[in-house]
Amino acid sequence: AMLRMNVDSVSRLSHEDRKSMLGELNLQDQDELHSMIPSKYRINKVPLNLPEALTEYELKKLMRQQELKNVNCVDGATCFLGAGVYDHEIPSVVDHVVTKQEFLTGY
């Protein structure tokens, strides 16, 4: 039996629901589910020390504030975009030369 639920309800699963989902995956327990994650990367403290959830409006406001901390090339930062390609003058004759039949190929 496939169990469908939203993310908010995962933390409120009953023991039977957890056992059923693990059974569908042919696993004995939750530790076996997480066994592929090296122990040094697992979070073992419960509850996690996380900040309060934000509303969509609060999150957008926070992200805009963080965005304002960014510095861009217009503000005088060194730009490494384009791997060395930068704004420079290309004479108009170049377009005419590179479109000549001698330079075109079918490949």
N, C-alpha and C. Protein backbone atom coordinates (compact mmCIF):
# COMPACT_ATOMS: atom_id res chain seq x y z
N ALA A 1 0.85 -1.19 0.00
CA ALA A 1 0.00 0.00 0.00
C ALA A 1 0.88 1.23 0.00
N MET A 2 0.70 2.08 -0.99
CA MET A 2 1.52 3.28 -1.09
C MET A 2 0.95 4.36 -0.20
N LEU A 3 1.81 5.00 0.58
CA LEU A 3 1.40 6.03 1.52
C LEU A 3 1.73 7.39 0.94
N ARG A 4 0.74 8.26 0.78
CA ARG A 4 0.97 9.61 0.26
C ARG A 4 0.70 10.61 1.37
N MET A 5 1.64 11.57 1.53
CA MET A 5 1.46 12.59 2.55
C MET A 5 2.31 13.80 2.22
N ASN A 6 1.98 14.92 2.83
CA ASN A 6 2.77 16.12 2.60
C ASN A 6 3.94 16.18 3.57
N VAL A 7 4.86 17.09 3.33
CA VAL A 7 6.08 17.18 4.13
C VAL A 7 5.79 17.47 5.59
N ASP A 8 4.79 18.32 5.88
CA ASP A 8 4.48 18.68 7.26
C ASP A 8 4.05 17.48 8.09
N SER A 9 3.43 16.50 7.45
CA SER A 9 2.92 15.37 8.20
C SER A 9 3.97 14.29 8.47
N VAL A 10 5.12 14.38 7.82
CA VAL A 10 6.15 13.35 8.01
C VAL A 10 6.61 13.28 9.46
N SER A 11 6.76 14.43 10.11
CA SER A 11 7.24 14.43 11.49
C SER A 11 6.19 13.89 12.45
N ARG A 12 4.93 13.80 12.02
CA ARG A 12 3.86 13.31 12.90
C ARG A 12 3.41 11.91 12.53
N LEU A 13 4.26 11.15 11.90
CA LEU A 13 3.90 9.78 11.51
C LEU A 13 3.75 8.90 12.74
N SER A 14 2.81 8.00 12.66
CA SER A 14 2.67 7.02 13.73
C SER A 14 3.73 5.94 13.56
N HIS A 15 3.95 5.16 14.59
CA HIS A 15 4.92 4.07 14.53
C HIS A 15 4.56 3.09 13.42
N GLU A 16 3.26 2.83 13.28
CA GLU A 16 2.80 1.88 12.24
C GLU A 16 3.07 2.43 10.84
N ASP A 17 2.87 3.75 10.66
CA ASP A 17 3.13 4.35 9.35
C ASP A 17 4.61 4.24 8.99
N ARG A 18 5.46 4.55 9.96
CA ARG A 18 6.91 4.44 9.72
C ARG A 18 7.29 3.01 9.37
N LYS A 19 6.75 2.05 10.13
CA LYS A 19 7.06 0.65 9.90
C LYS A 19 6.59 0.22 8.51
N SER A 20 5.41 0.70 8.10
CA SER A 20 4.85 0.37 6.79
C SER A 20 5.74 0.92 5.67
N MET A 21 6.17 2.16 5.80
CA MET A 21 7.02 2.77 4.77
C MET A 21 8.37 2.07 4.70
N LEU A 22 8.96 1.73 5.85
CA LEU A 22 10.23 1.01 5.84
C LEU A 22 10.06 -0.36 5.22
N GLY A 23 8.91 -1.00 5.48
CA GLY A 23 8.62 -2.31 4.90
C GLY A 23 8.56 -2.24 3.38
N GLU A 24 7.97 -1.16 2.84
CA GLU A 24 7.90 -0.98 1.39
C GLU A 24 9.29 -0.89 0.77
N LEU A 25 10.26 -0.40 1.54
CA LEU A 25 11.63 -0.26 1.08
C LEU A 25 12.50 -1.45 1.45
N ASN A 26 11.88 -2.46 2.05
CA ASN A 26 12.59 -3.66 2.52
C ASN A 26 13.69 -3.30 3.52
N LEU A 27 13.38 -2.39 4.44
CA LEU A 27 14.33 -1.98 5.47
C LEU A 27 13.77 -2.32 6.84
N GLN A 28 14.67 -2.60 7.78
CA GLN A 28 14.25 -2.98 9.13
C GLN A 28 13.96 -1.77 10.01
N ASP A 29 14.80 -0.73 9.90
CA ASP A 29 14.61 0.44 10.75
C ASP A 29 15.17 1.69 10.06
N GLN A 30 14.97 2.84 10.71
CA GLN A 30 15.38 4.11 10.12
C GLN A 30 16.90 4.21 10.01
N ASP A 31 17.62 3.58 10.92
CA ASP A 31 19.09 3.59 10.84
C ASP A 31 19.57 2.93 9.55
N GLU A 32 18.90 1.87 9.15
CA GLU A 32 19.26 1.19 7.91
C GLU A 32 18.98 2.11 6.71
N LEU A 33 17.92 2.90 6.81
CA LEU A 33 17.58 3.85 5.75
C LEU A 33 18.69 4.87 5.57
N HIS A 34 19.27 5.31 6.68
CA HIS A 34 20.31 6.35 6.63
C HIS A 34 21.72 5.79 6.63
N SER A 35 21.87 4.48 6.50
CA SER A 35 23.19 3.85 6.58
C SER A 35 24.15 4.30 5.48
N MET A 36 23.62 4.77 4.34
CA MET A 36 24.50 5.20 3.26
C MET A 36 25.16 6.55 3.56
N ILE A 37 24.65 7.28 4.56
CA ILE A 37 25.23 8.56 4.94
C ILE A 37 26.32 8.30 5.98
N PRO A 38 27.57 8.70 5.71
CA PRO A 38 28.64 8.48 6.69
C PRO A 38 28.27 9.11 8.04
N SER A 39 28.60 8.43 9.13
CA SER A 39 28.18 8.87 10.47
C SER A 39 28.68 10.26 10.82
N LYS A 40 29.83 10.66 10.27
CA LYS A 40 30.35 12.00 10.60
C LYS A 40 29.48 13.11 10.02
N TYR A 41 28.61 12.78 9.04
CA TYR A 41 27.73 13.78 8.44
C TYR A 41 26.30 13.72 8.97
N ARG A 42 26.00 12.78 9.82
CA ARG A 42 24.64 12.65 10.36
C ARG A 42 24.44 13.61 11.52
N ILE A 43 23.24 14.13 11.63
CA ILE A 43 22.88 15.00 12.73
C ILE A 43 22.20 14.14 13.79
N ASN A 44 22.81 14.02 14.94
CA ASN A 44 22.29 13.12 15.97
C ASN A 44 21.59 13.84 17.11
N LYS A 45 21.60 15.18 17.10
CA LYS A 45 20.96 15.87 18.20
C LYS A 45 19.49 16.15 17.87
N VAL A 46 18.65 15.89 18.84
CA VAL A 46 17.22 16.14 18.68
C VAL A 46 16.76 16.88 19.92
N PRO A 47 16.04 17.96 19.85
CA PRO A 47 15.59 18.61 18.63
C PRO A 47 16.71 19.46 18.03
N LEU A 48 16.58 19.72 16.76
CA LEU A 48 17.55 20.57 16.08
C LEU A 48 17.34 22.01 16.51
N ASN A 49 18.41 22.76 16.59
CA ASN A 49 18.33 24.15 17.00
C ASN A 49 18.12 25.02 15.74
N LEU A 50 16.88 25.03 15.25
CA LEU A 50 16.54 25.76 14.03
C LEU A 50 15.74 27.00 14.37
N PRO A 51 15.89 28.05 13.57
CA PRO A 51 15.08 29.25 13.81
C PRO A 51 13.61 28.98 13.49
N GLU A 52 12.75 29.86 13.97
CA GLU A 52 11.32 29.75 13.68
C GLU A 52 11.07 29.81 12.18
N ALA A 53 10.04 29.14 11.73
CA ALA A 53 9.68 29.17 10.31
C ALA A 53 9.22 30.58 9.93
N LEU A 54 9.49 30.96 8.70
CA LEU A 54 9.11 32.27 8.20
C LEU A 54 7.92 32.14 7.25
N THR A 55 7.13 33.19 7.19
CA THR A 55 6.08 33.24 6.19
C THR A 55 6.73 33.53 4.84
N GLU A 56 5.99 33.35 3.77
CA GLU A 56 6.53 33.62 2.44
C GLU A 56 6.97 35.09 2.34
N TYR A 57 6.16 36.00 2.88
CA TYR A 57 6.49 37.42 2.84
C TYR A 57 7.79 37.70 3.60
N GLU A 58 7.93 37.12 4.80
CA GLU A 58 9.13 37.34 5.60
C GLU A 58 10.37 36.78 4.91
N LEU A 59 10.22 35.62 4.29
CA LEU A 59 11.35 35.01 3.59
C LEU A 59 11.78 35.86 2.40
N LYS A 60 10.81 36.36 1.62
CA LYS A 60 11.15 37.22 0.48
C LYS A 60 11.87 38.48 0.96
N LYS A 61 11.39 39.05 2.06
CA LYS A 61 12.01 40.26 2.62
C LYS A 61 13.45 39.96 3.05
N LEU A 62 13.65 38.84 3.72
CA LEU A 62 15.00 38.44 4.16
C LEU A 62 15.91 38.22 2.96
N MET A 63 15.41 37.56 1.92
CA MET A 63 16.23 37.29 0.74
C MET A 63 16.59 38.59 0.02
N ARG A 64 15.67 39.56 -0.01
CA ARG A 64 15.98 40.86 -0.62
C ARG A 64 17.09 41.56 0.16
N GLN A 65 17.04 41.47 1.50
CA GLN A 65 18.07 42.08 2.33
C GLN A 65 19.42 41.43 2.07
N GLN A 66 19.44 40.11 1.94
CA GLN A 66 20.68 39.40 1.65
C GLN A 66 21.19 39.76 0.26
N GLU A 67 20.28 39.92 -0.68
CA GLU A 67 20.65 40.26 -2.05
C GLU A 67 21.36 41.61 -2.11
N LEU A 68 20.96 42.54 -1.27
CA LEU A 68 21.57 43.87 -1.27
C LEU A 68 23.02 43.84 -0.80
N LYS A 69 23.43 42.76 -0.14
CA LYS A 69 24.81 42.63 0.32
C LYS A 69 25.75 42.22 -0.83
N ASN A 70 25.17 41.74 -1.93
CA ASN A 70 25.98 41.34 -3.08
C ASN A 70 26.63 42.55 -3.73
N VAL A 71 27.82 42.34 -4.23
CA VAL A 71 28.54 43.39 -4.97
C VAL A 71 28.66 42.90 -6.40
N ASN A 72 28.41 43.78 -7.35
CA ASN A 72 28.51 43.36 -8.74
C ASN A 72 29.56 44.19 -9.47
N CYS A 73 29.77 43.88 -10.73
CA CYS A 73 30.80 44.56 -11.53
C CYS A 73 30.51 46.05 -11.69
N VAL A 74 29.24 46.42 -11.73
CA VAL A 74 28.88 47.82 -11.85
C VAL A 74 29.34 48.60 -10.63
N ASP A 75 29.35 47.94 -9.47
CA ASP A 75 29.77 48.58 -8.23
C ASP A 75 31.30 48.64 -8.10
N GLY A 76 32.02 48.16 -9.09
CA GLY A 76 33.47 48.26 -9.07
C GLY A 76 34.19 46.98 -8.70
N ALA A 77 33.47 45.88 -8.54
CA ALA A 77 34.12 44.61 -8.22
C ALA A 77 34.82 44.07 -9.47
N THR A 78 35.90 43.35 -9.26
CA THR A 78 36.59 42.70 -10.38
C THR A 78 35.70 41.61 -10.93
N CYS A 79 35.57 41.55 -12.23
CA CYS A 79 34.69 40.58 -12.87
C CYS A 79 35.52 39.50 -13.55
N PHE A 80 35.25 38.25 -13.19
CA PHE A 80 35.93 37.12 -13.82
C PHE A 80 34.97 36.33 -14.70
N LEU A 81 33.77 36.86 -14.94
CA LEU A 81 32.80 36.18 -15.79
C LEU A 81 33.29 36.14 -17.22
N GLY A 82 33.01 35.08 -17.91
CA GLY A 82 33.35 34.98 -19.32
C GLY A 82 34.75 34.45 -19.57
N ALA A 83 35.44 34.02 -18.53
CA ALA A 83 36.77 33.41 -18.68
C ALA A 83 37.70 34.28 -19.50
N GLY A 84 37.74 35.57 -19.21
CA GLY A 84 38.65 36.47 -19.90
C GLY A 84 38.02 37.23 -21.05
N VAL A 85 36.78 36.89 -21.39
CA VAL A 85 36.09 37.63 -22.44
C VAL A 85 35.50 38.89 -21.80
N TYR A 86 35.74 40.01 -22.40
CA TYR A 86 35.27 41.27 -21.82
C TYR A 86 34.82 42.18 -22.96
N ASP A 87 34.18 43.26 -22.59
CA ASP A 87 33.73 44.21 -23.60
C ASP A 87 34.93 44.81 -24.32
N HIS A 88 34.94 44.72 -25.62
CA HIS A 88 36.00 45.32 -26.41
C HIS A 88 35.45 45.63 -27.81
N GLU A 89 36.17 46.45 -28.52
CA GLU A 89 35.74 46.89 -29.85
C GLU A 89 36.10 45.84 -30.89
N ILE A 90 35.11 45.47 -31.70
CA ILE A 90 35.34 44.55 -32.81
C ILE A 90 35.04 45.33 -34.08
N PRO A 91 36.04 45.51 -34.92
CA PRO A 91 35.82 46.28 -36.16
C PRO A 91 34.72 45.63 -37.00
N SER A 92 33.93 46.43 -37.66
CA SER A 92 32.80 45.92 -38.45
C SER A 92 33.26 45.02 -39.60
N VAL A 93 34.47 45.21 -40.08
CA VAL A 93 34.98 44.40 -41.18
C VAL A 93 35.10 42.92 -40.78
N VAL A 94 35.23 42.63 -39.50
CA VAL A 94 35.37 41.24 -39.04
C VAL A 94 34.16 40.43 -39.44
N ASP A 95 32.94 40.98 -39.28
CA ASP A 95 31.73 40.27 -39.68
C ASP A 95 31.76 39.90 -41.16
N HIS A 96 32.24 40.79 -41.98
CA HIS A 96 32.30 40.53 -43.42
C HIS A 96 33.34 39.48 -43.76
N VAL A 97 34.46 39.52 -43.07
CA VAL A 97 35.54 38.57 -43.35
C VAL A 97 35.14 37.16 -42.93
N VAL A 98 34.58 37.00 -41.74
CA VAL A 98 34.28 35.65 -41.25
C VAL A 98 33.09 35.01 -41.95
N THR A 99 32.29 35.79 -42.69
CA THR A 99 31.18 35.20 -43.42
C THR A 99 31.53 34.86 -44.87
N LYS A 100 32.77 35.05 -45.23
CA LYS A 100 33.21 34.71 -46.60
C LYS A 100 33.15 33.20 -46.77
N GLN A 101 32.83 32.77 -47.99
CA GLN A 101 32.68 31.35 -48.30
C GLN A 101 33.93 30.54 -47.95
N GLU A 102 35.09 31.14 -48.05
CA GLU A 102 36.33 30.41 -47.77
C GLU A 102 36.42 29.95 -46.31
N PHE A 103 35.72 30.68 -45.44
CA PHE A 103 35.79 30.37 -44.01
C PHE A 103 34.62 29.50 -43.54
N LEU A 104 33.62 29.29 -44.40
CA LEU A 104 32.46 28.50 -44.02
C LEU A 104 32.70 27.02 -44.32
N THR A 105 32.12 26.18 -43.52
CA THR A 105 32.28 24.74 -43.71
C THR A 105 30.95 24.06 -43.40
N GLY A 106 30.77 22.87 -43.90
CA GLY A 106 29.53 22.12 -43.67
C GLY A 106 29.55 21.38 -42.34
N TYR A 107 30.62 21.46 -41.61
CA TYR A 107 30.73 20.70 -40.37
C TYR A 107 30.35 21.52 -39.18
